[in-house]
């Protein structure tokens, strides 16, 4: 089977000849692997991607507005097109996302705020070349976020309170963000990609940040509308959400989600989740970057990854990868990274 065929089989809950994989490393971790092998080119993300044999490729608009940096206000701090200033001196190194440091909407109204326009056709001009250069891979077009820009504009605590006491404002802001991203979707689905991807962190280690009632009130119907637009175009729907959002898996399946990431073993039993939902939802991730890869022995890594392939990968419904899209962290022993790669290559 080709890489594309394996991913299609996994999403369609059919058994591929090999469990498809997508393994990403942070820049420092990738440098460690390159230095171990003596191959300078492995420091380049694309060269590493080819070497490890990843099955999927991701593309996004040049200036999509979700984390699209427009102005550096001081070293390490950048303003995006929504007016949010981000501290980019993040956990994974300079240029990675940290936290918003300003409150664009100090009051629960949009009276004095000028909303930016969605990206235009010029922001997608690179898509045809991307598609041509990545034939044979499963292609994913990033769409954006819903909850994250809302709380970043207002402040997390303020926005969670607004959900309880200022529902009209929350509806207005969320409707704008939904329509913004519907415009992005309308552009993305014109191209020959396979799926649209949302990234929207709703959870923490013990459940939903806003609780299931507010999630179903404000987020579910808007996600449903965006998912429907994607499905109408014949594309698959991918979602990344950190934290334990398993309490709304049934809701997400109901509104059309195909693939969930990151599938973090520290917060959910990945084997039980696959048994319960694996015939209706495909999981992507599952290899712990929090406990397994940094602290286990290479043999323990091989055993864990092999079990994931054999048990969670049975019958399709699984794409193997690290349990966070930013990649395997720099504190991971290079021997463990190589053990992970060896197992997926040995299928």
C-alpha atoms as a PDB file:
ATOM      1  CA  UNK A   1       0.000   0.000   0.000  1.00  0.00           C
ATOM      2  CA  UNK A   2       1.082   3.584  -0.568  1.00  0.00           C
ATOM      3  CA  UNK A   3       1.331   6.090   2.265  1.00  0.00           C
ATOM      4  CA  UNK A   4      -1.893   7.716   1.099  1.00  0.00           C
ATOM      5  CA  UNK A   5      -3.690   4.377   0.928  1.00  0.00           C
ATOM      6  CA  UNK A   6      -2.608   3.454   4.466  1.00  0.00           C
ATOM      7  CA  UNK A   7      -3.984   6.663   5.944  1.00  0.00           C
ATOM      8  CA  UNK A   8      -7.243   6.308   4.007  1.00  0.00           C
ATOM      9  CA  UNK A   9      -7.570   2.724   5.267  1.00  0.00           C
ATOM     10  CA  UNK A  10      -6.915   3.762   8.870  1.00  0.00           C
ATOM     11  CA  UNK A  11      -9.489   6.577   8.741  1.00  0.00           C
ATOM     12  CA  UNK A  12     -11.959   4.225   7.062  1.00  0.00           C
ATOM     13  CA  UNK A  13     -11.475   1.654   9.866  1.00  0.00           C
ATOM     14  CA  UNK A  14      -9.899  -0.906   7.602  1.00  0.00           C
ATOM     15  CA  UNK A  15      -6.673  -2.797   8.285  1.00  0.00           C
ATOM     16  CA  UNK A  16      -3.726  -1.326   6.345  1.00  0.00           C
ATOM     17  CA  UNK A  17      -0.653  -3.429   5.557  1.00  0.00           C
ATOM     18  CA  UNK A  18       1.237  -1.221   8.031  1.00  0.00           C
ATOM     19  CA  UNK A  19      -0.037   1.190  10.658  1.00  0.00           C
ATOM     20  CA  UNK A  20       0.615   4.653   9.170  1.00  0.00           C
ATOM     21  CA  UNK A  21       2.834   6.983  11.167  1.00  0.00           C
ATOM     22  CA  UNK A  22       3.702  10.645  11.465  1.00  0.00           C
ATOM     23  CA  UNK A  23       6.592  11.305  13.856  1.00  0.00           C
ATOM     24  CA  UNK A  24       7.673  14.883  14.507  1.00  0.00           C
ATOM     25  CA  UNK A  25      10.587  16.141  16.601  1.00  0.00           C
ATOM     26  CA  UNK A  26      11.223  19.593  18.034  1.00  0.00           C
ATOM     27  CA  UNK A  27      14.207  21.363  16.491  1.00  0.00           C
ATOM     28  CA  UNK A  28      16.634  20.466  19.340  1.00  0.00           C
ATOM     29  CA  UNK A  29      15.583  16.796  19.286  1.00  0.00           C
ATOM     30  CA  UNK A  30      16.018  16.636  15.520  1.00  0.00           C
ATOM     31  CA  UNK A  31      19.526  18.116  15.859  1.00  0.00           C
ATOM     32  CA  UNK A  32      20.404  15.340  18.325  1.00  0.00           C
ATOM     33  CA  UNK A  33      19.353  12.680  15.815  1.00  0.00           C
ATOM     34  CA  UNK A  34      21.275  14.399  13.009  1.00  0.00           C
ATOM     35  CA  UNK A  35      24.417  14.568  15.114  1.00  0.00           C
ATOM     36  CA  UNK A  36      24.119  10.916  16.136  1.00  0.00           C
ATOM     37  CA  UNK A  37      23.996   9.825  12.500  1.00  0.00           C
ATOM     38  CA  UNK A  38      26.364  12.497  11.228  1.00  0.00           C
ATOM     39  CA  UNK A  39      23.828  13.656   8.649  1.00  0.00           C
ATOM     40  CA  UNK A  40      23.576  17.433   8.696  1.00  0.00           C
ATOM     41  CA  UNK A  41      20.579  17.363   6.375  1.00  0.00           C
ATOM     42  CA  UNK A  42      18.444  15.692   9.061  1.00  0.00           C
ATOM     43  CA  UNK A  43      18.398  19.018  10.896  1.00  0.00           C
ATOM     44  CA  UNK A  44      16.061  20.186   8.143  1.00  0.00           C
ATOM     45  CA  UNK A  45      12.423  19.287   8.931  1.00  0.00           C
ATOM     46  CA  UNK A  46      11.609  18.191   5.384  1.00  0.00           C
ATOM     47  CA  UNK A  47      14.714  16.012   5.110  1.00  0.00           C
ATOM     48  CA  UNK A  48      13.882  14.380   8.453  1.00  0.00           C
ATOM     49  CA  UNK A  49      10.303  13.896   7.326  1.00  0.00           C
ATOM     50  CA  UNK A  50      11.488  12.013   4.253  1.00  0.00           C
ATOM     51  CA  UNK A  51      14.003   9.959   6.242  1.00  0.00           C
ATOM     52  CA  UNK A  52      11.498   8.851   8.862  1.00  0.00           C
ATOM     53  CA  UNK A  53       8.911   8.053   6.181  1.00  0.00           C
ATOM     54  CA  UNK A  54       6.020  10.128   7.489  1.00  0.00           C
ATOM     55  CA  UNK A  55       2.693   9.555   5.786  1.00  0.00           C
ATOM     56  CA  UNK A  56       1.067  12.992   6.056  1.00  0.00           C
ATOM     57  CA  UNK A  57       1.959  16.541   5.078  1.00  0.00           C
ATOM     58  CA  UNK A  58       0.373  19.726   6.413  1.00  0.00           C
ATOM     59  CA  UNK A  59      -0.122  23.099   4.729  1.00  0.00           C
ATOM     60  CA  UNK A  60      -1.564  26.367   6.000  1.00  0.00           C
ATOM     61  CA  UNK A  61      -2.344  29.804   4.574  1.00  0.00           C
ATOM     62  CA  UNK A  62       0.448  32.349   4.662  1.00  0.00           C
ATOM     63  CA  UNK A  63      -1.585  34.719   6.822  1.00  0.00           C
ATOM     64  CA  UNK A  64      -4.532  32.852   8.248  1.00  0.00           C
ATOM     65  CA  UNK A  65      -4.999  35.035  11.327  1.00  0.00           C
ATOM     66  CA  UNK A  66      -4.768  32.207  13.829  1.00  0.00           C
ATOM     67  CA  UNK A  67      -1.266  32.818  15.175  1.00  0.00           C
ATOM     68  CA  UNK A  68      -0.291  34.729  12.013  1.00  0.00           C
ATOM     69  CA  UNK A  69       2.420  37.085  13.236  1.00  0.00           C
ATOM     70  CA  UNK A  70       2.455  40.548  11.728  1.00  0.00           C
ATOM     71  CA  UNK A  71       4.569  42.816  13.938  1.00  0.00           C
ATOM     72  CA  UNK A  72       7.333  42.231  16.466  1.00  0.00           C
ATOM     73  CA  UNK A  73       6.596  44.658  19.308  1.00  0.00           C
ATOM     74  CA  UNK A  74       9.778  43.732  21.196  1.00  0.00           C
ATOM     75  CA  UNK A  75      12.202  40.802  21.010  1.00  0.00           C
ATOM     76  CA  UNK A  76      10.256  37.571  21.319  1.00  0.00           C
ATOM     77  CA  UNK A  77       6.828  39.257  21.422  1.00  0.00           C
ATOM     78  CA  UNK A  78       4.694  39.413  18.283  1.00  0.00           C
ATOM     79  CA  UNK A  79       1.276  40.863  17.486  1.00  0.00           C
ATOM     80  CA  UNK A  80      -1.040  38.822  15.271  1.00  0.00           C
ATOM     81  CA  UNK A  81      -3.710  40.221  12.954  1.00  0.00           C
ATOM     82  CA  UNK A  82      -6.348  39.989  15.719  1.00  0.00           C
ATOM     83  CA  UNK A  83      -4.245  42.359  17.851  1.00  0.00           C
ATOM     84  CA  UNK A  84      -3.180  39.633  20.291  1.00  0.00           C
ATOM     85  CA  UNK A  85       0.444  39.909  21.434  1.00  0.00           C
ATOM     86  CA  UNK A  86       2.117  36.509  21.910  1.00  0.00           C
ATOM     87  CA  UNK A  87       5.174  35.691  23.956  1.00  0.00           C
ATOM     88  CA  UNK A  88       6.884  33.382  21.461  1.00  0.00           C
ATOM     89  CA  UNK A  89       9.693  32.373  23.781  1.00  0.00           C
ATOM     90  CA  UNK A  90       7.879  29.092  24.221  1.00  0.00           C
ATOM     91  CA  UNK A  91       8.521  25.719  25.762  1.00  0.00           C
ATOM     92  CA  UNK A  92       9.981  24.330  22.538  1.00  0.00           C
ATOM     93  CA  UNK A  93      12.361  27.177  21.756  1.00  0.00           C
ATOM     94  CA  UNK A  94      12.324  30.650  20.263  1.00  0.00           C
ATOM     95  CA  UNK A  95       9.486  31.101  17.789  1.00  0.00           C
ATOM     96  CA  UNK A  96       7.172  28.558  19.403  1.00  0.00           C
ATOM     97  CA  UNK A  97       3.864  29.627  20.870  1.00  0.00           C
ATOM     98  CA  UNK A  98       3.772  30.706  24.471  1.00  0.00           C
ATOM     99  CA  UNK A  99       0.925  32.794  25.821  1.00  0.00           C
ATOM    100  CA  UNK A 100      -0.983  35.972  25.009  1.00  0.00           C
ATOM    101  CA  UNK A 101       0.183  38.885  27.149  1.00  0.00           C
ATOM    102  CA  UNK A 102      -2.454  41.539  26.406  1.00  0.00           C
ATOM    103  CA  UNK A 103      -6.229  41.771  26.735  1.00  0.00           C
ATOM    104  CA  UNK A 104      -7.621  43.065  23.456  1.00  0.00           C
ATOM    105  CA  UNK A 105     -11.230  43.053  24.724  1.00  0.00           C
ATOM    106  CA  UNK A 106     -11.212  44.318  28.332  1.00  0.00           C
ATOM    107  CA  UNK A 107     -15.024  44.570  28.250  1.00  0.00           C
ATOM    108  CA  UNK A 108     -17.512  41.931  27.032  1.00  0.00           C
ATOM    109  CA  UNK A 109     -18.494  43.729  23.836  1.00  0.00           C
ATOM    110  CA  UNK A 110     -17.173  44.305  20.326  1.00  0.00           C
ATOM    111  CA  UNK A 111     -18.098  48.002  20.137  1.00  0.00           C
ATOM    112  CA  UNK A 112     -14.538  49.343  19.878  1.00  0.00           C
ATOM    113  CA  UNK A 113     -12.913  46.436  18.096  1.00  0.00           C
ATOM    114  CA  UNK A 114     -12.291  46.180  14.358  1.00  0.00           C
ATOM    115  CA  UNK A 115     -12.378  42.565  13.304  1.00  0.00           C
ATOM    116  CA  UNK A 116      -9.821  41.553  10.642  1.00  0.00           C
ATOM    117  CA  UNK A 117     -10.865  40.161   7.307  1.00  0.00           C
ATOM    118  CA  UNK A 118     -10.306  36.486   6.535  1.00  0.00           C
ATOM    119  CA  UNK A 119      -7.320  35.546   4.368  1.00  0.00           C
ATOM    120  CA  UNK A 120      -7.830  36.004   0.643  1.00  0.00           C
ATOM    121  CA  UNK A 121      -6.874  33.904  -2.395  1.00  0.00           C
ATOM    122  CA  UNK A 122      -3.331  35.283  -2.335  1.00  0.00           C
ATOM    123  CA  UNK A 123      -2.755  33.525   0.990  1.00  0.00           C
ATOM    124  CA  UNK A 124      -3.329  30.177  -0.718  1.00  0.00           C
ATOM    125  CA  UNK A 125      -1.211  30.782  -3.818  1.00  0.00           C
ATOM    126  CA  UNK A 126       1.395  28.244  -2.635  1.00  0.00           C
ATOM    127  CA  UNK A 127      -1.110  25.365  -2.353  1.00  0.00           C
ATOM    128  CA  UNK A 128      -0.785  24.036  -5.945  1.00  0.00           C
ATOM    129  CA  UNK A 129       2.999  23.744  -5.623  1.00  0.00           C
ATOM    130  CA  UNK A 130       2.667  22.091  -2.191  1.00  0.00           C
ATOM    131  CA  UNK A 131       0.233  19.536  -3.622  1.00  0.00           C
ATOM    132  CA  UNK A 132       2.484  18.819  -6.597  1.00  0.00           C
ATOM    133  CA  UNK A 133       5.584  18.366  -4.419  1.00  0.00           C
ATOM    134  CA  UNK A 134       3.865  16.058  -1.935  1.00  0.00           C
ATOM    135  CA  UNK A 135       2.089  13.592  -4.175  1.00  0.00           C
ATOM    136  CA  UNK A 136       1.732  10.188  -2.547  1.00  0.00           C
ATOM    137  CA  UNK A 137       1.229  11.651   0.928  1.00  0.00           C
ATOM    138  CA  UNK A 138      -2.052  12.290   2.722  1.00  0.00           C
ATOM    139  CA  UNK A 139      -2.471  16.086   2.569  1.00  0.00           C
ATOM    140  CA  UNK A 140      -3.981  18.143   5.374  1.00  0.00           C
ATOM    141  CA  UNK A 141      -4.990  21.802   5.152  1.00  0.00           C
ATOM    142  CA  UNK A 142      -5.002  23.710   8.436  1.00  0.00           C
ATOM    143  CA  UNK A 143      -8.197  25.689   9.062  1.00  0.00           C
ATOM    144  CA  UNK A 144      -7.657  27.197  12.504  1.00  0.00           C
ATOM    145  CA  UNK A 145      -9.224  27.621  15.927  1.00  0.00           C
ATOM    146  CA  UNK A 146     -12.515  28.673  17.495  1.00  0.00           C
ATOM    147  CA  UNK A 147     -12.201  28.713  21.280  1.00  0.00           C
ATOM    148  CA  UNK A 148      -8.532  29.707  21.403  1.00  0.00           C
ATOM    149  CA  UNK A 149      -8.716  33.112  19.674  1.00  0.00           C
ATOM    150  CA  UNK A 150     -11.873  33.880  21.661  1.00  0.00           C
ATOM    151  CA  UNK A 151     -10.241  33.421  25.046  1.00  0.00           C
ATOM    152  CA  UNK A 152      -6.979  34.984  23.858  1.00  0.00           C
ATOM    153  CA  UNK A 153      -8.831  38.164  22.867  1.00  0.00           C
ATOM    154  CA  UNK A 154     -10.708  38.389  26.144  1.00  0.00           C
ATOM    155  CA  UNK A 155      -8.436  36.565  28.596  1.00  0.00           C
ATOM    156  CA  UNK A 156      -9.081  33.007  29.727  1.00  0.00           C
ATOM    157  CA  UNK A 157     -10.682  33.780  33.083  1.00  0.00           C
ATOM    158  CA  UNK A 158     -12.821  36.571  31.631  1.00  0.00           C
ATOM    159  CA  UNK A 159     -14.031  34.431  28.753  1.00  0.00           C
ATOM    160  CA  UNK A 160     -14.960  31.459  30.918  1.00  0.00           C
ATOM    161  CA  UNK A 161     -16.964  33.825  33.131  1.00  0.00           C
ATOM    162  CA  UNK A 162     -18.564  35.347  30.023  1.00  0.00           C
ATOM    163  CA  UNK A 163     -19.847  31.920  29.052  1.00  0.00           C
ATOM    164  CA  UNK A 164     -21.920  31.964  32.223  1.00  0.00           C
ATOM    165  CA  UNK A 165     -22.940  35.616  32.534  1.00  0.00           C
ATOM    166  CA  UNK A 166     -22.518  37.235  29.085  1.00  0.00           C
ATOM    167  CA  UNK A 167     -23.949  34.706  26.622  1.00  0.00           C
ATOM    168  CA  UNK A 168     -24.877  37.333  24.027  1.00  0.00           C
ATOM    169  CA  UNK A 169     -21.307  38.578  23.795  1.00  0.00           C
ATOM    170  CA  UNK A 170     -19.956  35.044  23.583  1.00  0.00           C
ATOM    171  CA  UNK A 171     -22.403  34.250  20.778  1.00  0.00           C
ATOM    172  CA  UNK A 172     -21.388  37.388  18.859  1.00  0.00           C
ATOM    173  CA  UNK A 173     -17.663  36.682  19.177  1.00  0.00           C
ATOM    174  CA  UNK A 174     -17.948  32.980  18.432  1.00  0.00           C
ATOM    175  CA  UNK A 175     -20.182  33.636  15.418  1.00  0.00           C
ATOM    176  CA  UNK A 176     -17.606  36.023  14.008  1.00  0.00           C
ATOM    177  CA  UNK A 177     -14.817  33.493  14.513  1.00  0.00           C
ATOM    178  CA  UNK A 178     -16.919  30.733  12.987  1.00  0.00           C
ATOM    179  CA  UNK A 179     -17.687  32.835   9.909  1.00  0.00           C
ATOM    180  CA  UNK A 180     -14.023  33.802   9.645  1.00  0.00           C
ATOM    181  CA  UNK A 181     -13.048  30.145   9.552  1.00  0.00           C
ATOM    182  CA  UNK A 182     -15.877  29.201   7.210  1.00  0.00           C
ATOM    183  CA  UNK A 183     -14.272  31.642   4.776  1.00  0.00           C
ATOM    184  CA  UNK A 184     -10.938  29.860   5.301  1.00  0.00           C
ATOM    185  CA  UNK A 185     -12.614  26.485   4.728  1.00  0.00           C
ATOM    186  CA  UNK A 186     -14.198  27.718   1.499  1.00  0.00           C
ATOM    187  CA  UNK A 187     -10.721  28.550   0.221  1.00  0.00           C
ATOM    188  CA  UNK A 188      -8.975  25.384   1.452  1.00  0.00           C
ATOM    189  CA  UNK A 189     -11.480  22.875   0.047  1.00  0.00           C
ATOM    190  CA  UNK A 190     -10.996  24.231  -3.479  1.00  0.00           C
ATOM    191  CA  UNK A 191      -7.637  22.446  -3.540  1.00  0.00           C
ATOM    192  CA  UNK A 192      -6.848  18.760  -3.957  1.00  0.00           C
ATOM    193  CA  UNK A 193      -6.132  18.055  -0.317  1.00  0.00           C
ATOM    194  CA  UNK A 194      -7.563  15.187   1.717  1.00  0.00           C
ATOM    195  CA  UNK A 195      -8.553  16.747   5.038  1.00  0.00           C
ATOM    196  CA  UNK A 196      -9.063  19.974   6.969  1.00  0.00           C
ATOM    197  CA  UNK A 197      -7.494  20.323  10.399  1.00  0.00           C
ATOM    198  CA  UNK A 198      -8.646  22.273  13.452  1.00  0.00           C
ATOM    199  CA  UNK A 199      -6.508  22.953  16.520  1.00  0.00           C
ATOM    200  CA  UNK A 200      -8.545  24.043  19.531  1.00  0.00           C
ATOM    201  CA  UNK A 201      -7.454  23.144  23.061  1.00  0.00           C
ATOM    202  CA  UNK A 202     -10.618  22.597  25.107  1.00  0.00           C
ATOM    203  CA  UNK A 203      -9.276  20.414  27.873  1.00  0.00           C
ATOM    204  CA  UNK A 204      -6.952  20.033  30.798  1.00  0.00           C
ATOM    205  CA  UNK A 205      -5.757  16.831  32.437  1.00  0.00           C
ATOM    206  CA  UNK A 206      -9.131  16.179  34.076  1.00  0.00           C
ATOM    207  CA  UNK A 207     -11.753  17.276  31.569  1.00  0.00           C
ATOM    208  CA  UNK A 208     -13.116  20.233  29.627  1.00  0.00           C
ATOM    209  CA  UNK A 209     -12.026  23.727  30.671  1.00  0.00           C
ATOM    210  CA  UNK A 210     -15.526  25.136  30.202  1.00  0.00           C
ATOM    211  CA  UNK A 211     -17.409  21.950  31.140  1.00  0.00           C
ATOM    212  CA  UNK A 212     -19.678  19.903  28.870  1.00  0.00           C
ATOM    213  CA  UNK A 213     -22.732  22.185  29.250  1.00  0.00           C
ATOM    214  CA  UNK A 214     -20.966  25.290  27.934  1.00  0.00           C
ATOM    215  CA  UNK A 215     -19.083  23.250  25.337  1.00  0.00           C
ATOM    216  CA  UNK A 216     -22.371  21.977  23.930  1.00  0.00           C
ATOM    217  CA  UNK A 217     -23.947  25.443  24.171  1.00  0.00           C
ATOM    218  CA  UNK A 218     -21.239  27.469  22.444  1.00  0.00           C
ATOM    219  CA  UNK A 219     -18.739  25.224  20.689  1.00  0.00           C
ATOM    220  CA  UNK A 220     -20.516  22.129  19.423  1.00  0.00           C
ATOM    221  CA  UNK A 221     -23.058  23.820  17.099  1.00  0.00           C
ATOM    222  CA  UNK A 222     -20.393  26.009  15.519  1.00  0.00           C
ATOM    223  CA  UNK A 223     -17.976  23.139  15.054  1.00  0.00           C
ATOM    224  CA  UNK A 224     -20.867  21.176  13.535  1.00  0.00           C
ATOM    225  CA  UNK A 225     -21.445  23.897  10.959  1.00  0.00           C
ATOM    226  CA  UNK A 226     -17.766  24.038  10.030  1.00  0.00           C
ATOM    227  CA  UNK A 227     -17.460  20.244   9.908  1.00  0.00           C
ATOM    228  CA  UNK A 228     -20.502  20.103   7.625  1.00  0.00           C
ATOM    229  CA  UNK A 229     -18.943  22.591   5.187  1.00  0.00           C
ATOM    230  CA  UNK A 230     -15.842  20.377   4.981  1.00  0.00           C
ATOM    231  CA  UNK A 231     -17.841  17.181   4.570  1.00  0.00           C
ATOM    232  CA  UNK A 232     -19.898  18.749   1.784  1.00  0.00           C
ATOM    233  CA  UNK A 233     -16.635  19.221  -0.108  1.00  0.00           C
ATOM    234  CA  UNK A 234     -15.718  15.552   0.332  1.00  0.00           C
ATOM    235  CA  UNK A 235     -12.843  16.087   2.784  1.00  0.00           C
ATOM    236  CA  UNK A 236     -12.038  14.416   6.094  1.00  0.00           C
ATOM    237  CA  UNK A 237     -12.109  16.372   9.380  1.00  0.00           C
ATOM    238  CA  UNK A 238      -9.142  16.327  11.791  1.00  0.00           C
ATOM    239  CA  UNK A 239      -9.118  17.877  15.264  1.00  0.00           C
ATOM    240  CA  UNK A 240      -6.317  18.491  17.742  1.00  0.00           C
ATOM    241  CA  UNK A 241      -7.351  19.284  21.296  1.00  0.00           C
ATOM    242  CA  UNK A 242      -5.039  18.932  24.269  1.00  0.00           C
ATOM    243  CA  UNK A 243      -6.437  17.654  27.542  1.00  0.00           C
ATOM    244  CA  UNK A 244      -9.097  15.100  28.346  1.00  0.00           C
ATOM    245  CA  UNK A 245     -11.954  15.750  25.942  1.00  0.00           C
ATOM    246  CA  UNK A 246     -13.093  12.129  25.859  1.00  0.00           C
ATOM    247  CA  UNK A 247     -16.361  13.174  27.517  1.00  0.00           C
ATOM    248  CA  UNK A 248     -17.481  14.691  24.213  1.00  0.00           C
ATOM    249  CA  UNK A 249     -16.167  12.031  21.829  1.00  0.00           C
ATOM    250  CA  UNK A 250     -19.744  10.919  21.159  1.00  0.00           C
ATOM    251  CA  UNK A 251     -20.672  14.517  20.312  1.00  0.00           C
ATOM    252  CA  UNK A 252     -17.682  14.876  18.011  1.00  0.00           C
ATOM    253  CA  UNK A 253     -18.507  11.632  16.231  1.00  0.00           C
ATOM    254  CA  UNK A 254     -22.105  12.824  15.894  1.00  0.00           C
ATOM    255  CA  UNK A 255     -21.075  16.040  14.124  1.00  0.00           C
ATOM    256  CA  UNK A 256     -18.653  14.304  11.781  1.00  0.00           C
ATOM    257  CA  UNK A 257     -15.149  14.202  13.251  1.00  0.00           C
ATOM    258  CA  UNK A 258     -12.912  11.638  11.526  1.00  0.00           C
ATOM    259  CA  UNK A 259      -9.525  11.902  13.300  1.00  0.00           C
ATOM    260  CA  UNK A 260      -8.687  13.019  16.848  1.00  0.00           C
ATOM    261  CA  UNK A 261      -5.222  13.991  18.049  1.00  0.00           C
ATOM    262  CA  UNK A 262      -3.106  13.856  20.304  1.00  0.00           C
ATOM    263  CA  UNK A 263      -4.498  10.720  22.050  1.00  0.00           C
ATOM    264  CA  UNK A 264      -2.423  11.270  25.201  1.00  0.00           C
ATOM    265  CA  UNK A 265      -1.915   8.124  27.330  1.00  0.00           C
ATOM    266  CA  UNK A 266      -1.391  10.118  30.548  1.00  0.00           C
ATOM    267  CA  UNK A 267      -4.985  11.323  30.512  1.00  0.00           C
ATOM    268  CA  UNK A 268      -6.899   8.530  28.791  1.00  0.00           C
ATOM    269  CA  UNK A 269      -6.504   4.785  28.485  1.00  0.00           C
ATOM    270  CA  UNK A 270      -5.647   4.594  24.808  1.00  0.00           C
ATOM    271  CA  UNK A 271      -6.497   0.895  24.578  1.00  0.00           C
ATOM    272  CA  UNK A 272      -9.948   1.389  26.130  1.00  0.00           C
ATOM    273  CA  UNK A 273     -10.607   4.441  23.955  1.00  0.00           C
ATOM    274  CA  UNK A 274      -9.764   2.442  20.834  1.00  0.00           C
ATOM    275  CA  UNK A 275     -12.049  -0.406  21.927  1.00  0.00           C
ATOM    276  CA  UNK A 276     -14.928   1.985  22.673  1.00  0.00           C
ATOM    277  CA  UNK A 277     -14.680   4.435  19.791  1.00  0.00           C
ATOM    278  CA  UNK A 278     -12.209   2.952  17.302  1.00  0.00           C
ATOM    279  CA  UNK A 279     -14.848   1.758  14.861  1.00  0.00           C
ATOM    280  CA  UNK A 280     -16.198   5.321  14.537  1.00  0.00           C
ATOM    281  CA  UNK A 281     -13.229   7.576  15.291  1.00  0.00           C
ATOM    282  CA  UNK A 282      -9.618   7.370  14.147  1.00  0.00           C
ATOM    283  CA  UNK A 283      -6.949   8.274  16.701  1.00  0.00           C
ATOM    284  CA  UNK A 284      -3.625   9.920  15.837  1.00  0.00           C
ATOM    285  CA  UNK A 285      -0.816  10.015  18.391  1.00  0.00           C
ATOM    286  CA  UNK A 286      -0.639   7.803  21.455  1.00  0.00           C
ATOM    287  CA  UNK A 287       3.139   7.659  22.029  1.00  0.00           C
ATOM    288  CA  UNK A 288       3.874   9.493  25.261  1.00  0.00           C
ATOM    289  CA  UNK A 289       6.368  12.360  25.168  1.00  0.00           C
ATOM    290  CA  UNK A 290       5.679  13.051  28.859  1.00  0.00           C
ATOM    291  CA  UNK A 291       6.640   9.758  30.485  1.00  0.00           C
ATOM    292  CA  UNK A 292       7.582   7.006  28.014  1.00  0.00           C
ATOM    293  CA  UNK A 293      10.032   8.616  25.601  1.00  0.00           C
ATOM    294  CA  UNK A 294      11.981  10.749  28.118  1.00  0.00           C
ATOM    295  CA  UNK A 295      12.283   8.180  30.909  1.00  0.00           C
ATOM    296  CA  UNK A 296      11.859   4.621  29.616  1.00  0.00           C
ATOM    297  CA  UNK A 297      14.616   2.391  28.318  1.00  0.00           C
ATOM    298  CA  UNK A 298      14.938   1.810  24.569  1.00  0.00           C
ATOM    299  CA  UNK A 299      13.594  -1.711  25.048  1.00  0.00           C
ATOM    300  CA  UNK A 300      10.558  -0.376  26.919  1.00  0.00           C
ATOM    301  CA  UNK A 301       9.960   2.071  24.081  1.00  0.00           C
ATOM    302  CA  UNK A 302      10.119  -0.763  21.544  1.00  0.00           C
ATOM    303  CA  UNK A 303       7.685  -2.846  23.589  1.00  0.00           C
ATOM    304  CA  UNK A 304       5.198   0.010  24.044  1.00  0.00           C
ATOM    305  CA  UNK A 305       5.272   1.081  20.398  1.00  0.00           C
ATOM    306  CA  UNK A 306       4.970  -2.518  19.234  1.00  0.00           C
ATOM    307  CA  UNK A 307       1.936  -3.032  21.458  1.00  0.00           C
ATOM    308  CA  UNK A 308       0.320   0.145  20.124  1.00  0.00           C
ATOM    309  CA  UNK A 309       0.793  -1.105  16.568  1.00  0.00           C
ATOM    310  CA  UNK A 310      -0.511  -4.580  17.345  1.00  0.00           C
ATOM    311  CA  UNK A 311      -3.448  -3.698  19.605  1.00  0.00           C
ATOM    312  CA  UNK A 312      -4.517  -0.098  18.920  1.00  0.00           C
ATOM    313  CA  UNK A 313      -3.686  -0.408  15.228  1.00  0.00           C
ATOM    314  CA  UNK A 314      -5.766  -3.570  14.795  1.00  0.00           C
ATOM    315  CA  UNK A 315      -8.623  -3.049  12.363  1.00  0.00           C
ATOM    316  CA  UNK A 316      -7.530   0.434  11.368  1.00  0.00           C
ATOM    317  CA  UNK A 317      -8.603   3.553  13.228  1.00  0.00           C
ATOM    318  CA  UNK A 318      -5.059   4.506  14.301  1.00  0.00           C
ATOM    319  CA  UNK A 319      -2.237   6.704  12.986  1.00  0.00           C
ATOM    320  CA  UNK A 320       0.879   6.376  15.138  1.00  0.00           C
ATOM    321  CA  UNK A 321       2.654   9.487  16.345  1.00  0.00           C
ATOM    322  CA  UNK A 322       3.960  11.347  19.348  1.00  0.00           C
ATOM    323  CA  UNK A 323       1.262  12.492  21.773  1.00  0.00           C
ATOM    324  CA  UNK A 324       1.693  16.194  21.012  1.00  0.00           C
ATOM    325  CA  UNK A 325       1.947  17.838  17.590  1.00  0.00           C
ATOM    326  CA  UNK A 326       4.867  20.099  18.554  1.00  0.00           C
ATOM    327  CA  UNK A 327       7.070  17.027  18.557  1.00  0.00           C
ATOM    328  CA  UNK A 328       9.288  14.868  20.705  1.00  0.00           C
ATOM    329  CA  UNK A 329      11.115  17.081  23.190  1.00  0.00           C
ATOM    330  CA  UNK A 330      14.835  17.798  23.481  1.00  0.00           C
ATOM    331  CA  UNK A 331      15.192  15.976  26.821  1.00  0.00           C
ATOM    332  CA  UNK A 332      14.371  12.647  25.154  1.00  0.00           C
ATOM    333  CA  UNK A 333      17.382  10.313  24.870  1.00  0.00           C
ATOM    334  CA  UNK A 334      18.328   9.898  21.241  1.00  0.00           C
ATOM    335  CA  UNK A 335      18.367   6.112  21.764  1.00  0.00           C
ATOM    336  CA  UNK A 336      14.639   6.242  22.571  1.00  0.00           C
ATOM    337  CA  UNK A 337      13.868   8.318  19.494  1.00  0.00           C
ATOM    338  CA  UNK A 338      15.720   5.811  17.351  1.00  0.00           C
ATOM    339  CA  UNK A 339      13.914   2.909  19.069  1.00  0.00           C
ATOM    340  CA  UNK A 340      10.560   4.486  18.144  1.00  0.00           C
ATOM    341  CA  UNK A 341      11.618   4.911  14.529  1.00  0.00           C
ATOM    342  CA  UNK A 342      13.064   1.401  14.326  1.00  0.00           C
ATOM    343  CA  UNK A 343       9.782  -0.179  15.382  1.00  0.00           C
ATOM    344  CA  UNK A 344       7.629   1.679  12.848  1.00  0.00           C
ATOM    345  CA  UNK A 345      10.156   0.877  10.104  1.00  0.00           C
ATOM    346  CA  UNK A 346      10.188  -2.801  11.022  1.00  0.00           C
ATOM    347  CA  UNK A 347       6.464  -3.364  10.432  1.00  0.00           C
END
